[in-house]
């Protein structure tokens, strides 16, 4: 994900921007499920739902 983000510094046209934006979306697609899986394995049942809620709320942008 970081490599694709760094490549945005070298965008020189609409086509390269669209390709990099697509690649960034592909790399970010696994982030949310990966964090949920990590939280499910790491925390005990008592606090798991609270950790899911904190992560979910932190990932939402304010309006």
PDB file of N, CA and C in Angstrom:
ATOM      1  N   UNK A   1       0.827  -1.177   0.000  1.00  0.00           N
ATOM      2  CA  UNK A   1       0.000   0.000   0.000  1.00  0.00           C
ATOM      3  C   UNK A   1       0.875   1.244   0.000  1.00  0.00           C
ATOM      4  N   UNK A   2       1.959   1.240   0.749  1.00  0.00           N
ATOM      5  CA  UNK A   2       2.834   2.399   0.809  1.00  0.00           C
ATOM      6  C   UNK A   2       3.556   2.657  -0.494  1.00  0.00           C
ATOM      7  N   UNK A   3       3.941   1.588  -1.176  1.00  0.00           N
ATOM      8  CA  UNK A   3       4.644   1.740  -2.456  1.00  0.00           C
ATOM      9  C   UNK A   3       3.717   2.368  -3.489  1.00  0.00           C
ATOM     10  N   UNK A   4       2.477   1.905  -3.536  1.00  0.00           N
ATOM     11  CA  UNK A   4       1.516   2.460  -4.490  1.00  0.00           C
ATOM     12  C   UNK A   4       1.254   3.926  -4.155  1.00  0.00           C
ATOM     13  N   UNK A   5       1.128   4.252  -2.884  1.00  0.00           N
ATOM     14  CA  UNK A   5       0.909   5.643  -2.490  1.00  0.00           C
ATOM     15  C   UNK A   5       2.085   6.521  -2.880  1.00  0.00           C
ATOM     16  N   UNK A   6       3.296   6.013  -2.715  1.00  0.00           N
ATOM     17  CA  UNK A   6       4.487   6.780  -3.083  1.00  0.00           C
ATOM     18  C   UNK A   6       4.575   7.004  -4.582  1.00  0.00           C
ATOM     19  N   UNK A   7       4.045   6.093  -5.359  1.00  0.00           N
ATOM     20  CA  UNK A   7       4.075   6.229  -6.821  1.00  0.00           C
ATOM     21  C   UNK A   7       3.209   7.388  -7.309  1.00  0.00           C
ATOM     22  N   UNK A   8       2.296   7.879  -6.477  1.00  0.00           N
ATOM     23  CA  UNK A   8       1.483   9.022  -6.872  1.00  0.00           C
ATOM     24  C   UNK A   8       2.335  10.271  -7.096  1.00  0.00           C
ATOM     25  N   UNK A   9       3.524  10.315  -6.538  1.00  0.00           N
ATOM     26  CA  UNK A   9       4.415  11.459  -6.756  1.00  0.00           C
ATOM     27  C   UNK A   9       4.873  11.535  -8.203  1.00  0.00           C
ATOM     28  N   UNK A  10       4.783  10.435  -8.924  1.00  0.00           N
ATOM     29  CA  UNK A  10       5.275  10.382 -10.305  1.00  0.00           C
ATOM     30  C   UNK A  10       4.155  10.377 -11.345  1.00  0.00           C
ATOM     31  N   UNK A  11       2.931  10.689 -10.941  1.00  0.00           N
ATOM     32  CA  UNK A  11       1.806  10.725 -11.877  1.00  0.00           C
ATOM     33  C   UNK A  11       2.013  11.865 -12.869  1.00  0.00           C
ATOM     34  N   UNK A  12       1.834  11.535 -14.166  1.00  0.00           N
ATOM     35  CA  UNK A  12       2.031  12.556 -15.190  1.00  0.00           C
ATOM     36  C   UNK A  12       0.841  12.709 -16.122  1.00  0.00           C
ATOM     37  N   UNK A  13      -0.216  12.035 -15.853  1.00  0.00           N
ATOM     38  CA  UNK A  13      -1.386  12.160 -16.714  1.00  0.00           C
ATOM     39  C   UNK A  13      -2.574  11.458 -16.113  1.00  0.00           C
ATOM     40  N   UNK A  14      -3.680  11.570 -16.810  1.00  0.00           N
ATOM     41  CA  UNK A  14      -4.921  10.987 -16.327  1.00  0.00           C
ATOM     42  C   UNK A  14      -4.856   9.464 -16.294  1.00  0.00           C
ATOM     43  N   UNK A  15      -4.238   8.868 -17.292  1.00  0.00           N
ATOM     44  CA  UNK A  15      -4.182   7.408 -17.368  1.00  0.00           C
ATOM     45  C   UNK A  15      -3.384   6.823 -16.207  1.00  0.00           C
ATOM     46  N   UNK A  16      -2.216   7.391 -15.927  1.00  0.00           N
ATOM     47  CA  UNK A  16      -1.414   6.869 -14.818  1.00  0.00           C
ATOM     48  C   UNK A  16      -2.121   7.097 -13.482  1.00  0.00           C
ATOM     49  N   UNK A  17      -2.849   8.206 -13.363  1.00  0.00           N
ATOM     50  CA  UNK A  17      -3.593   8.452 -12.128  1.00  0.00           C
ATOM     51  C   UNK A  17      -4.683   7.401 -11.922  1.00  0.00           C
ATOM     52  N   UNK A  18      -5.423   7.096 -12.980  1.00  0.00           N
ATOM     53  CA  UNK A  18      -6.510   6.115 -12.879  1.00  0.00           C
ATOM     54  C   UNK A  18      -5.948   4.736 -12.549  1.00  0.00           C
ATOM     55  N   UNK A  19      -4.843   4.374 -13.168  1.00  0.00           N
ATOM     56  CA  UNK A  19      -4.232   3.059 -12.894  1.00  0.00           C
ATOM     57  C   UNK A  19      -3.762   2.979 -11.450  1.00  0.00           C
ATOM     58  N   UNK A  20      -3.082   4.024 -10.966  1.00  0.00           N
ATOM     59  CA  UNK A  20      -2.605   4.003  -9.585  1.00  0.00           C
ATOM     60  C   UNK A  20      -3.757   4.044  -8.588  1.00  0.00           C
ATOM     61  N   UNK A  21      -4.807   4.766  -8.927  1.00  0.00           N
ATOM     62  CA  UNK A  21      -5.966   4.807  -8.036  1.00  0.00           C
ATOM     63  C   UNK A  21      -6.618   3.434  -7.934  1.00  0.00           C
ATOM     64  N   UNK A  22      -6.686   2.725  -9.047  1.00  0.00           N
ATOM     65  CA  UNK A  22      -7.216   1.364  -9.031  1.00  0.00           C
ATOM     66  C   UNK A  22      -6.336   0.451  -8.185  1.00  0.00           C
ATOM     67  N   UNK A  23      -5.020   0.534  -8.379  1.00  0.00           N
ATOM     68  CA  UNK A  23      -4.096  -0.301  -7.604  1.00  0.00           C
ATOM     69  C   UNK A  23      -4.166   0.020  -6.111  1.00  0.00           C
ATOM     70  N   UNK A  24      -4.341   1.286  -5.779  1.00  0.00           N
ATOM     71  CA  UNK A  24      -4.470   1.652  -4.371  1.00  0.00           C
ATOM     72  C   UNK A  24      -5.746   1.052  -3.774  1.00  0.00           C
ATOM     73  N   UNK A  25      -6.822   1.072  -4.535  1.00  0.00           N
ATOM     74  CA  UNK A  25      -8.061   0.454  -4.063  1.00  0.00           C
ATOM     75  C   UNK A  25      -7.919  -1.040  -3.853  1.00  0.00           C
ATOM     76  N   UNK A  26      -7.188  -1.696  -4.751  1.00  0.00           N
ATOM     77  CA  UNK A  26      -6.957  -3.135  -4.617  1.00  0.00           C
ATOM     78  C   UNK A  26      -6.146  -3.434  -3.364  1.00  0.00           C
ATOM     79  N   UNK A  27      -5.101  -2.638  -3.121  1.00  0.00           N
ATOM     80  CA  UNK A  27      -4.264  -2.896  -1.944  1.00  0.00           C
ATOM     81  C   UNK A  27      -4.985  -2.570  -0.642  1.00  0.00           C
ATOM     82  N   UNK A  28      -5.871  -1.568  -0.665  1.00  0.00           N
ATOM     83  CA  UNK A  28      -6.600  -1.215   0.546  1.00  0.00           C
ATOM     84  C   UNK A  28      -7.780  -2.149   0.818  1.00  0.00           C
ATOM     85  N   UNK A  29      -8.193  -2.908  -0.154  1.00  0.00           N
ATOM     86  CA  UNK A  29      -9.352  -3.776   0.013  1.00  0.00           C
ATOM     87  C   UNK A  29      -9.144  -4.826   1.099  1.00  0.00           C
ATOM     88  N   UNK A  30      -7.928  -5.248   1.310  1.00  0.00           N
ATOM     89  CA  UNK A  30      -7.658  -6.262   2.324  1.00  0.00           C
ATOM     90  C   UNK A  30      -7.379  -5.707   3.701  1.00  0.00           C
ATOM     91  N   UNK A  31      -7.280  -4.397   3.836  1.00  0.00           N
ATOM     92  CA  UNK A  31      -6.930  -3.810   5.130  1.00  0.00           C
ATOM     93  C   UNK A  31      -8.030  -4.015   6.169  1.00  0.00           C
ATOM     94  N   UNK A  32      -9.252  -3.647   5.852  1.00  0.00           N
ATOM     95  CA  UNK A  32     -10.348  -3.736   6.831  1.00  0.00           C
ATOM     96  C   UNK A  32     -10.586  -5.174   7.288  1.00  0.00           C
ATOM     97  N   UNK A  33     -10.745  -6.146   6.366  1.00  0.00           N
ATOM     98  CA  UNK A  33     -10.936  -7.528   6.836  1.00  0.00           C
ATOM     99  C   UNK A  33      -9.731  -8.067   7.607  1.00  0.00           C
ATOM    100  N   UNK A  34      -8.536  -7.629   7.217  1.00  0.00           N
ATOM    101  CA  UNK A  34      -7.334  -8.070   7.923  1.00  0.00           C
ATOM    102  C   UNK A  34      -7.295  -7.580   9.359  1.00  0.00           C
ATOM    103  N   UNK A  35      -7.666  -6.336   9.572  1.00  0.00           N
ATOM    104  CA  UNK A  35      -7.685  -5.786  10.929  1.00  0.00           C
ATOM    105  C   UNK A  35      -8.772  -6.462  11.756  1.00  0.00           C
ATOM    106  N   UNK A  36      -9.923  -6.711  11.166  1.00  0.00           N
ATOM    107  CA  UNK A  36     -11.000  -7.401  11.887  1.00  0.00           C
ATOM    108  C   UNK A  36     -10.547  -8.807  12.297  1.00  0.00           C
ATOM    109  N   UNK A  37      -9.871  -9.512  11.392  1.00  0.00           N
ATOM    110  CA  UNK A  37      -9.371 -10.849  11.724  1.00  0.00           C
ATOM    111  C   UNK A  37      -8.327 -10.774  12.844  1.00  0.00           C
ATOM    112  N   UNK A  38      -7.442  -9.783  12.755  1.00  0.00           N
ATOM    113  CA  UNK A  38      -6.422  -9.615  13.793  1.00  0.00           C
ATOM    114  C   UNK A  38      -7.060  -9.324  15.144  1.00  0.00           C
ATOM    115  N   UNK A  39      -8.040  -8.418  15.172  1.00  0.00           N
ATOM    116  CA  UNK A  39      -8.718  -8.104  16.425  1.00  0.00           C
ATOM    117  C   UNK A  39      -9.454  -9.318  16.983  1.00  0.00           C
ATOM    118  N   UNK A  40     -10.058 -10.121  16.111  1.00  0.00           N
ATOM    119  CA  UNK A  40     -10.789 -11.307  16.552  1.00  0.00           C
ATOM    120  C   UNK A  40      -9.853 -12.338  17.179  1.00  0.00           C
ATOM    121  N   UNK A  41      -8.646 -12.421  16.676  1.00  0.00           N
ATOM    122  CA  UNK A  41      -7.693 -13.394  17.225  1.00  0.00           C
ATOM    123  C   UNK A  41      -7.010 -12.872  18.489  1.00  0.00           C
ATOM    124  N   UNK A  42      -6.871 -11.571  18.617  1.00  0.00           N
ATOM    125  CA  UNK A  42      -6.066 -10.997  19.680  1.00  0.00           C
ATOM    126  C   UNK A  42      -6.841 -10.795  20.981  1.00  0.00           C
ATOM    127  N   UNK A  43      -8.077 -10.314  20.888  1.00  0.00           N
ATOM    128  CA  UNK A  43      -8.827  -9.938  22.079  1.00  0.00           C
ATOM    129  C   UNK A  43      -9.773 -11.050  22.513  1.00  0.00           C
ATOM    130  N   UNK A  44      -9.975 -11.182  23.832  1.00  0.00           N
ATOM    131  CA  UNK A  44     -10.934 -12.181  24.328  1.00  0.00           C
ATOM    132  C   UNK A  44     -12.363 -11.757  24.013  1.00  0.00           C
ATOM    133  N   UNK A  45     -13.274 -12.698  24.163  1.00  0.00           N
ATOM    134  CA  UNK A  45     -14.676 -12.459  23.807  1.00  0.00           C
ATOM    135  C   UNK A  45     -15.298 -11.276  24.536  1.00  0.00           C
ATOM    136  N   UNK A  46     -14.889 -11.030  25.771  1.00  0.00           N
ATOM    137  CA  UNK A  46     -15.509  -9.962  26.562  1.00  0.00           C
ATOM    138  C   UNK A  46     -15.316  -8.579  25.940  1.00  0.00           C
ATOM    139  N   UNK A  47     -14.153  -8.319  25.371  1.00  0.00           N
ATOM    140  CA  UNK A  47     -13.858  -6.973  24.867  1.00  0.00           C
ATOM    141  C   UNK A  47     -13.801  -6.904  23.339  1.00  0.00           C
ATOM    142  N   UNK A  48     -14.030  -8.014  22.679  1.00  0.00           N
ATOM    143  CA  UNK A  48     -13.911  -8.059  21.220  1.00  0.00           C
ATOM    144  C   UNK A  48     -14.877  -7.091  20.531  1.00  0.00           C
ATOM    145  N   UNK A  49     -16.114  -7.066  20.958  1.00  0.00           N
ATOM    146  CA  UNK A  49     -17.099  -6.191  20.331  1.00  0.00           C
ATOM    147  C   UNK A  49     -16.733  -4.727  20.554  1.00  0.00           C
ATOM    148  N   UNK A  50     -16.207  -4.398  21.713  1.00  0.00           N
ATOM    149  CA  UNK A  50     -15.778  -3.030  21.976  1.00  0.00           C
ATOM    150  C   UNK A  50     -14.630  -2.631  21.056  1.00  0.00           C
ATOM    151  N   UNK A  51     -13.688  -3.520  20.823  1.00  0.00           N
ATOM    152  CA  UNK A  51     -12.563  -3.218  19.937  1.00  0.00           C
ATOM    153  C   UNK A  51     -13.036  -3.070  18.489  1.00  0.00           C
ATOM    154  N   UNK A  52     -13.990  -3.904  18.076  1.00  0.00           N
ATOM    155  CA  UNK A  52     -14.567  -3.758  16.734  1.00  0.00           C
ATOM    156  C   UNK A  52     -15.216  -2.387  16.592  1.00  0.00           C
ATOM    157  N   UNK A  53     -15.963  -1.974  17.610  1.00  0.00           N
ATOM    158  CA  UNK A  53     -16.659  -0.690  17.560  1.00  0.00           C
ATOM    159  C   UNK A  53     -15.667   0.470  17.491  1.00  0.00           C
ATOM    160  N   UNK A  54     -14.620   0.411  18.281  1.00  0.00           N
ATOM    161  CA  UNK A  54     -13.613   1.476  18.262  1.00  0.00           C
ATOM    162  C   UNK A  54     -12.941   1.553  16.904  1.00  0.00           C
ATOM    163  N   UNK A  55     -12.575   0.412  16.346  1.00  0.00           N
ATOM    164  CA  UNK A  55     -11.937   0.413  15.029  1.00  0.00           C
ATOM    165  C   UNK A  55     -12.890   0.923  13.962  1.00  0.00           C
ATOM    166  N   UNK A  56     -14.127   0.488  14.009  1.00  0.00           N
ATOM    167  CA  UNK A  56     -15.106   0.906  13.010  1.00  0.00           C
ATOM    168  C   UNK A  56     -15.366   2.406  13.085  1.00  0.00           C
ATOM    169  N   UNK A  57     -15.509   2.939  14.292  1.00  0.00           N
ATOM    170  CA  UNK A  57     -15.745   4.370  14.448  1.00  0.00           C
ATOM    171  C   UNK A  57     -14.511   5.187  14.048  1.00  0.00           C
ATOM    172  N   UNK A  58     -13.331   4.673  14.315  1.00  0.00           N
ATOM    173  CA  UNK A  58     -12.104   5.398  13.956  1.00  0.00           C
ATOM    174  C   UNK A  58     -11.910   5.426  12.442  1.00  0.00           C
ATOM    175  N   UNK A  59     -12.456   4.454  11.736  1.00  0.00           N
ATOM    176  CA  UNK A  59     -12.266   4.421  10.289  1.00  0.00           C
ATOM    177  C   UNK A  59     -13.249   5.303   9.537  1.00  0.00           C
ATOM    178  N   UNK A  60     -14.239   5.845  10.207  1.00  0.00           N
ATOM    179  CA  UNK A  60     -15.229   6.706   9.565  1.00  0.00           C
ATOM    180  C   UNK A  60     -14.779   8.160   9.672  1.00  0.00           C
ATOM    181  N   UNK A  61     -14.938   8.883   8.589  1.00  0.00           N
ATOM    182  CA  UNK A  61     -14.555  10.298   8.604  1.00  0.00           C
ATOM    183  C   UNK A  61     -15.702  11.134   9.154  1.00  0.00           C
ATOM    184  N   UNK A  62     -15.374  12.198   9.884  1.00  0.00           N
ATOM    185  CA  UNK A  62     -16.436  13.055  10.448  1.00  0.00           C
ATOM    186  C   UNK A  62     -17.165  13.816   9.349  1.00  0.00           C
ATOM    187  N   UNK A  63     -18.387  14.116   9.588  1.00  0.00           N
ATOM    188  CA  UNK A  63     -19.184  14.849   8.587  1.00  0.00           C
ATOM    189  C   UNK A  63     -19.383  16.266   9.000  1.00  0.00           C
TER     190      UNK A  63
END
